[in-house]
Amino acid sequence: MTGPGAEASDDVDALDVLRTRVEDLRDAYALLGDDTEAAGGRLAAAALKELDFAMGELRATQAQLAELSRGSVRTRGGASQESRLVRGIFQDVPVPVLVLEGEGVIRRLNPAAARLLRCPQGYATGRPLAAFLPLVERPALRSHLAAVARS
């Protein structure tokens, strides 16, 4: 599996091939000498100028992409550090915290919530919160979940 670095390397190689090809075309045009007017020289000169302009734009875009790529690597590193920090806080907070899906299914819970529900964290994940409540309290929970979904 190749990462973003491999794609960037392929792009650099393709740009180098294009640059070499443009130089070859320029050399071939220069070899024509005085015959350039007869051989559509003005058109060839204009085409070479357009190629030079396109190469300049490609180089500028390549530099911008490289800078964005370096920035996204820094951002991903910062995001993973932030994610670890939030995960640590979630695990260490002394009050029960549950993350529910829209239907009331437990997606995540911290150790305090697992103690409150009297079950391991892994057991509760993926199960409806209503399953851990007494039968008489389940309709109230469903009503609250529906109200949250509406708002």
C-alpha atoms as a PDB file:
ATOM      1  CA  MET A   1       0.000   0.000   0.000  1.00  0.00           C
ATOM      2  CA  THR A   2       1.429   3.357  -0.996  1.00  0.00           C
ATOM      3  CA  GLY A   3       0.990   6.507   1.004  1.00  0.00           C
ATOM      4  CA  PRO A   4       0.756  10.149   0.033  1.00  0.00           C
ATOM      5  CA  GLY A   5       4.524  10.350  -0.281  1.00  0.00           C
ATOM      6  CA  ALA A   6       4.532   7.819  -3.127  1.00  0.00           C
ATOM      7  CA  GLU A   7       1.893   9.790  -5.039  1.00  0.00           C
ATOM      8  CA  ALA A   8       3.866  13.006  -4.597  1.00  0.00           C
ATOM      9  CA  SER A   9       6.991  11.252  -5.875  1.00  0.00           C
ATOM     10  CA  ASP A  10       5.101  10.018  -8.958  1.00  0.00           C
ATOM     11  CA  ASP A  11       3.890  13.579  -9.621  1.00  0.00           C
ATOM     12  CA  VAL A  12       7.432  14.934  -9.356  1.00  0.00           C
ATOM     13  CA  ASP A  13       8.654  12.249 -11.774  1.00  0.00           C
ATOM     14  CA  ALA A  14       5.867  13.071 -14.247  1.00  0.00           C
ATOM     15  CA  LEU A  15       6.693  16.778 -14.033  1.00  0.00           C
ATOM     16  CA  ASP A  16      10.379  16.027 -14.669  1.00  0.00           C
ATOM     17  CA  VAL A  17       9.464  13.929 -17.719  1.00  0.00           C
ATOM     18  CA  LEU A  18       7.294  16.763 -19.049  1.00  0.00           C
ATOM     19  CA  ARG A  19      10.057  19.303 -18.421  1.00  0.00           C
ATOM     20  CA  THR A  20      12.548  17.119 -20.299  1.00  0.00           C
ATOM     21  CA  ARG A  21      10.123  16.700 -23.201  1.00  0.00           C
ATOM     22  CA  VAL A  22       9.585  20.477 -23.450  1.00  0.00           C
ATOM     23  CA  GLU A  23      13.361  21.007 -23.497  1.00  0.00           C
ATOM     24  CA  ASP A  24      13.686  18.411 -26.283  1.00  0.00           C
ATOM     25  CA  LEU A  25      10.998  20.194 -28.303  1.00  0.00           C
ATOM     26  CA  ARG A  26      12.754  23.526 -27.775  1.00  0.00           C
ATOM     27  CA  ASP A  27      16.063  22.013 -28.957  1.00  0.00           C
ATOM     28  CA  ALA A  28      14.367  20.546 -32.033  1.00  0.00           C
ATOM     29  CA  TYR A  29      12.800  23.932 -32.790  1.00  0.00           C
ATOM     30  CA  ALA A  30      16.196  25.641 -32.466  1.00  0.00           C
ATOM     31  CA  LEU A  31      17.738  23.138 -34.911  1.00  0.00           C
ATOM     32  CA  LEU A  32      15.283  24.194 -37.620  1.00  0.00           C
ATOM     33  CA  GLY A  33      17.040  27.573 -37.774  1.00  0.00           C
ATOM     34  CA  ASP A  34      15.878  29.733 -40.715  1.00  0.00           C
ATOM     35  CA  ASP A  35      13.326  27.134 -41.793  1.00  0.00           C
ATOM     36  CA  THR A  36      11.112  27.949 -38.803  1.00  0.00           C
ATOM     37  CA  GLU A  37       9.040  30.520 -40.735  1.00  0.00           C
ATOM     38  CA  ALA A  38       8.384  28.046 -43.530  1.00  0.00           C
ATOM     39  CA  ALA A  39       7.575  25.235 -41.116  1.00  0.00           C
ATOM     40  CA  GLY A  40       4.967  27.164 -39.152  1.00  0.00           C
ATOM     41  CA  GLY A  41       7.576  28.689 -36.899  1.00  0.00           C
ATOM     42  CA  ARG A  42       5.302  31.280 -35.364  1.00  0.00           C
ATOM     43  CA  LEU A  43       2.876  28.585 -34.314  1.00  0.00           C
ATOM     44  CA  ALA A  44       5.685  26.456 -32.856  1.00  0.00           C
ATOM     45  CA  ALA A  45       7.129  29.459 -30.983  1.00  0.00           C
ATOM     46  CA  ALA A  46       3.709  30.261 -29.537  1.00  0.00           C
ATOM     47  CA  ALA A  47       3.210  26.617 -28.539  1.00  0.00           C
ATOM     48  CA  LEU A  48       6.580  26.579 -26.766  1.00  0.00           C
ATOM     49  CA  LYS A  49       5.669  29.772 -24.892  1.00  0.00           C
ATOM     50  CA  GLU A  50       2.381  28.183 -23.824  1.00  0.00           C
ATOM     51  CA  LEU A  51       4.279  25.093 -22.650  1.00  0.00           C
ATOM     52  CA  ASP A  52       6.652  27.304 -20.649  1.00  0.00           C
ATOM     53  CA  PHE A  53       3.688  29.045 -19.029  1.00  0.00           C
ATOM     54  CA  ALA A  54       2.028  25.688 -18.237  1.00  0.00           C
ATOM     55  CA  MET A  55       5.273  24.378 -16.732  1.00  0.00           C
ATOM     56  CA  GLY A  56       5.507  27.457 -14.507  1.00  0.00           C
ATOM     57  CA  GLU A  57       1.922  26.958 -13.330  1.00  0.00           C
ATOM     58  CA  LEU A  58       2.578  23.270 -12.661  1.00  0.00           C
ATOM     59  CA  ARG A  59       5.694  24.083 -10.634  1.00  0.00           C
ATOM     60  CA  ALA A  60       3.781  26.642  -8.558  1.00  0.00           C
ATOM     61  CA  THR A  61       0.926  24.191  -7.984  1.00  0.00           C
ATOM     62  CA  GLN A  62       3.392  21.453  -7.078  1.00  0.00           C
ATOM     63  CA  ALA A  63       5.004  23.739  -4.483  1.00  0.00           C
ATOM     64  CA  GLN A  64       1.581  24.628  -3.028  1.00  0.00           C
ATOM     65  CA  LEU A  65       0.604  20.957  -2.843  1.00  0.00           C
ATOM     66  CA  ALA A  66       3.869  20.076  -1.133  1.00  0.00           C
ATOM     67  CA  GLU A  67       3.269  22.819   1.450  1.00  0.00           C
ATOM     68  CA  LEU A  68      -0.319  21.666   2.014  1.00  0.00           C
ATOM     69  CA  SER A  69       0.896  18.097   2.386  1.00  0.00           C
ATOM     70  CA  ARG A  70       3.449  19.105   5.003  1.00  0.00           C
ATOM     71  CA  GLY A  71       0.754  21.112   6.812  1.00  0.00           C
ATOM     72  CA  SER A  72      -1.704  18.208   6.795  1.00  0.00           C
ATOM     73  CA  VAL A  73       0.915  15.880   8.278  1.00  0.00           C
ATOM     74  CA  ARG A  74       1.445  18.381  11.106  1.00  0.00           C
ATOM     75  CA  THR A  75      -2.327  18.701  11.551  1.00  0.00           C
ATOM     76  CA  ARG A  76      -2.824  14.941  11.669  1.00  0.00           C
ATOM     77  CA  GLY A  77      -0.095  14.658  14.300  1.00  0.00           C
ATOM     78  CA  GLY A  78      -1.738  17.399  16.360  1.00  0.00           C
ATOM     79  CA  ALA A  79      -5.166  15.819  15.909  1.00  0.00           C
ATOM     80  CA  SER A  80      -3.948  12.441  17.125  1.00  0.00           C
ATOM     81  CA  GLN A  81      -2.394  14.091  20.169  1.00  0.00           C
ATOM     82  CA  GLU A  82      -5.653  15.943  20.814  1.00  0.00           C
ATOM     83  CA  SER A  83      -7.593  12.710  20.335  1.00  0.00           C
ATOM     84  CA  ARG A  84      -5.398  10.933  22.907  1.00  0.00           C
ATOM     85  CA  LEU A  85      -5.918  13.805  25.328  1.00  0.00           C
ATOM     86  CA  VAL A  86      -9.717  13.723  24.934  1.00  0.00           C
ATOM     87  CA  ARG A  87      -9.725   9.927  25.244  1.00  0.00           C
ATOM     88  CA  GLY A  88      -7.689  10.157  28.451  1.00  0.00           C
ATOM     89  CA  ILE A  89     -10.019  12.750  29.928  1.00  0.00           C
ATOM     90  CA  PHE A  90     -13.036  10.641  28.934  1.00  0.00           C
ATOM     91  CA  GLN A  91     -11.577   7.599  30.690  1.00  0.00           C
ATOM     92  CA  ASP A  92     -10.466   9.483  33.820  1.00  0.00           C
ATOM     93  CA  VAL A  93     -13.474  11.711  34.475  1.00  0.00           C
ATOM     94  CA  PRO A  94     -15.085  10.576  37.765  1.00  0.00           C
ATOM     95  CA  VAL A  95     -18.710  11.023  36.618  1.00  0.00           C
ATOM     96  CA  PRO A  96     -20.541   8.519  34.393  1.00  0.00           C
ATOM     97  CA  VAL A  97     -20.422   9.526  30.709  1.00  0.00           C
ATOM     98  CA  LEU A  98     -22.230   7.632  27.949  1.00  0.00           C
ATOM     99  CA  VAL A  99     -22.137   8.366  24.223  1.00  0.00           C
ATOM    100  CA  LEU A 100     -25.367   7.194  22.615  1.00  0.00           C
ATOM    101  CA  GLU A 101     -26.415   6.749  19.016  1.00  0.00           C
ATOM    102  CA  GLY A 102     -29.701   8.298  17.919  1.00  0.00           C
ATOM    103  CA  GLU A 103     -31.723   5.222  18.865  1.00  0.00           C
ATOM    104  CA  GLY A 104     -30.298   5.072  22.372  1.00  0.00           C
ATOM    105  CA  VAL A 105     -27.667   2.421  21.650  1.00  0.00           C
ATOM    106  CA  ILE A 106     -24.520   2.840  23.740  1.00  0.00           C
ATOM    107  CA  ARG A 107     -21.589   3.707  21.530  1.00  0.00           C
ATOM    108  CA  ARG A 108     -19.004   4.493  24.241  1.00  0.00           C
ATOM    109  CA  LEU A 109     -18.959   4.714  27.995  1.00  0.00           C
ATOM    110  CA  ASN A 110     -16.335   5.509  30.549  1.00  0.00           C
ATOM    111  CA  PRO A 111     -15.420   3.303  33.546  1.00  0.00           C
ATOM    112  CA  ALA A 112     -17.664   5.311  35.905  1.00  0.00           C
ATOM    113  CA  ALA A 113     -20.659   4.631  33.644  1.00  0.00           C
ATOM    114  CA  ALA A 114     -19.754   0.931  33.487  1.00  0.00           C
ATOM    115  CA  ARG A 115     -19.744   0.821  37.292  1.00  0.00           C
ATOM    116  CA  LEU A 116     -23.125   2.553  37.379  1.00  0.00           C
ATOM    117  CA  LEU A 117     -24.573   0.017  34.927  1.00  0.00           C
ATOM    118  CA  ARG A 118     -22.791  -2.808  36.806  1.00  0.00           C
ATOM    119  CA  CYS A 119     -21.240  -4.346  33.702  1.00  0.00           C
ATOM    120  CA  PRO A 120     -17.944  -4.265  31.787  1.00  0.00           C
ATOM    121  CA  GLN A 121     -17.480  -1.484  29.230  1.00  0.00           C
ATOM    122  CA  GLY A 122     -17.223  -3.945  26.345  1.00  0.00           C
ATOM    123  CA  TYR A 123     -20.466  -5.639  27.303  1.00  0.00           C
ATOM    124  CA  ALA A 124     -22.481  -2.410  27.339  1.00  0.00           C
ATOM    125  CA  THR A 125     -21.148  -1.098  24.037  1.00  0.00           C
ATOM    126  CA  GLY A 126     -23.604  -1.779  21.233  1.00  0.00           C
ATOM    127  CA  ARG A 127     -26.535  -2.496  23.555  1.00  0.00           C
ATOM    128  CA  PRO A 128     -29.539  -0.203  24.065  1.00  0.00           C
ATOM    129  CA  LEU A 129     -29.352   1.891  27.211  1.00  0.00           C
ATOM    130  CA  ALA A 130     -32.976   0.950  27.901  1.00  0.00           C
ATOM    131  CA  ALA A 131     -31.857  -2.649  28.465  1.00  0.00           C
ATOM    132  CA  PHE A 132     -30.038  -1.518  31.628  1.00  0.00           C
ATOM    133  CA  LEU A 133     -33.035   0.328  33.089  1.00  0.00           C
ATOM    134  CA  PRO A 134     -36.006  -1.064  35.013  1.00  0.00           C
ATOM    135  CA  LEU A 135     -39.060  -1.670  32.819  1.00  0.00           C
ATOM    136  CA  VAL A 136     -41.009   1.224  34.322  1.00  0.00           C
ATOM    137  CA  GLU A 137     -38.258   3.749  33.394  1.00  0.00           C
ATOM    138  CA  ARG A 138     -37.807   2.674  29.761  1.00  0.00           C
ATOM    139  CA  PRO A 139     -40.741   4.684  28.304  1.00  0.00           C
ATOM    140  CA  ALA A 140     -39.402   7.868  29.908  1.00  0.00           C
ATOM    141  CA  LEU A 141     -35.965   7.255  28.383  1.00  0.00           C
ATOM    142  CA  ARG A 142     -37.482   6.654  24.944  1.00  0.00           C
ATOM    143  CA  SER A 143     -39.501   9.864  25.285  1.00  0.00           C
ATOM    144  CA  HIS A 144     -36.370  11.847  26.189  1.00  0.00           C
ATOM    145  CA  LEU A 145     -34.430  10.333  23.274  1.00  0.00           C
ATOM    146  CA  ALA A 146     -37.252  11.224  20.871  1.00  0.00           C
ATOM    147  CA  ALA A 147     -37.289  14.802  22.190  1.00  0.00           C
ATOM    148  CA  VAL A 148     -33.537  15.095  21.686  1.00  0.00           C
ATOM    149  CA  ALA A 149     -33.844  13.718  18.153  1.00  0.00           C
ATOM    150  CA  ARG A 150     -36.518  16.308  17.319  1.00  0.00           C
ATOM    151  CA  SER A 151     -34.498  19.254  18.595  1.00  0.00           C
END
